[in-house]
Amino acid sequence: MLVPFSFRAVTNSTWKMCCFQTNLSALSRSLATLQLPSPMETHLWYVMPDEVKSVSLLNQYMGLLSPSEKQQVLSTSDRRLQKSALLARTLVRTIIARYQINHHDDPRTLKFKKNIHGKPEVDWELGGCDGWCPPPLHFNISHTSSLIACGVTMNSPIGVDVEEKHRKLKHNILAFVRRYFSACEAERLSAISDTEIQRQEFVKLWTLKEAYVKALGRGFSAAPFRTFTIDIKNVKESFDLEKNSEAPEIIVKSLDDPENCTTHWRFALLELAGSHYTAICIEKDKASEVGMSIPIRMTVRKTIPLVCDECVSGTDAVLPIAGSIKQFL
């Protein structure tokens, strides 16, 4: 059992909440089955831990996890970190189960493995003889103590990172970037005289670099931050695709491998829930023509797993900052 949390029952006056039975199977049937993302489409899900207050619900989430996942959740005595770890694993399991791939509709039965670099993948365990081949599903998760996000794609590897907009740094920004970032990035940040703007641009850049490394799926040791440069061209606070304003372009250049640049990867940088910067990096569809700027098609949903969803695409909860994005409701 999860160490009990001192939370009140789940309440949120802005959401229309339904009453659900406490039985887990009833919760599992309460939300609609999902269609898998189409090529070059991204499903982005997020949960706000402070909005999940029910001790009963948290303990039901604990029942979804594998023994090793439970051990990981309880490996810290910090209840805030426990809750974040629990919700992260719950979010992944419940989302993938709702796609009902080959009748895998119970989040408890899903199994996971890591590639040789440690990136999590679904382990479909192809032991049968029915000739079924698993779909090329990719997912990636990122979490802070205040927001947890999971991106899902088909065919395209994905990296997701979220950071709090007002994140405070323990180290001097310029000393840090000169040591760990590329020379071009350090020079660009050094040219910003306003310390608050400099901090904001650092957090955005950090988020993009994390998403890129996670999309590569080779681990941070294989792609140190100094070995590539990310640039946001003509960055603005936000842009409006409906008004055909030009989206600031995000470019990545590998210093070790100049051929592995923006023609291979697409980025989106968002402000999510008014409080977090969120970066998404996906591999470009190999069938696309070189040089074509095809937007990332994205559906964003806010959720409390197995309780309720809210599509927030096109609302103030999802504000594009840079990259080519087309939101779907």
Foldseek 3Di string as FASTA:
>chain_A
DPDFDPFDAQDDPVDDFDDFDLDPVRLLPPDAADAADDALAKEKEKEFLVRHGDRSVLVVLLVLDDPVLNCVLPVDPPVLSSSFSSVQLSVVLCNVLSNCFVNSNRSSPWDWDAPPQGQIDTDPPPPDDPPDDGFQKEKEWEDDSGMIMMMIHGPKQKFKYKDWQPDDDPDDPLVVCVVFAAPVVSVVLVPDPDPSVSVNVSQQQVRQLRGVVVSVRNYCVVPGNHQKDKDWAPWDAFDDVVVVDDFTAIKMAGNVDRVPIPQFKFKWWKQAQVTMIMMMMITDDPPDDGPDQDAREYWYWYDDRSTDIDTQWPHPRITTTHTGYDYDD
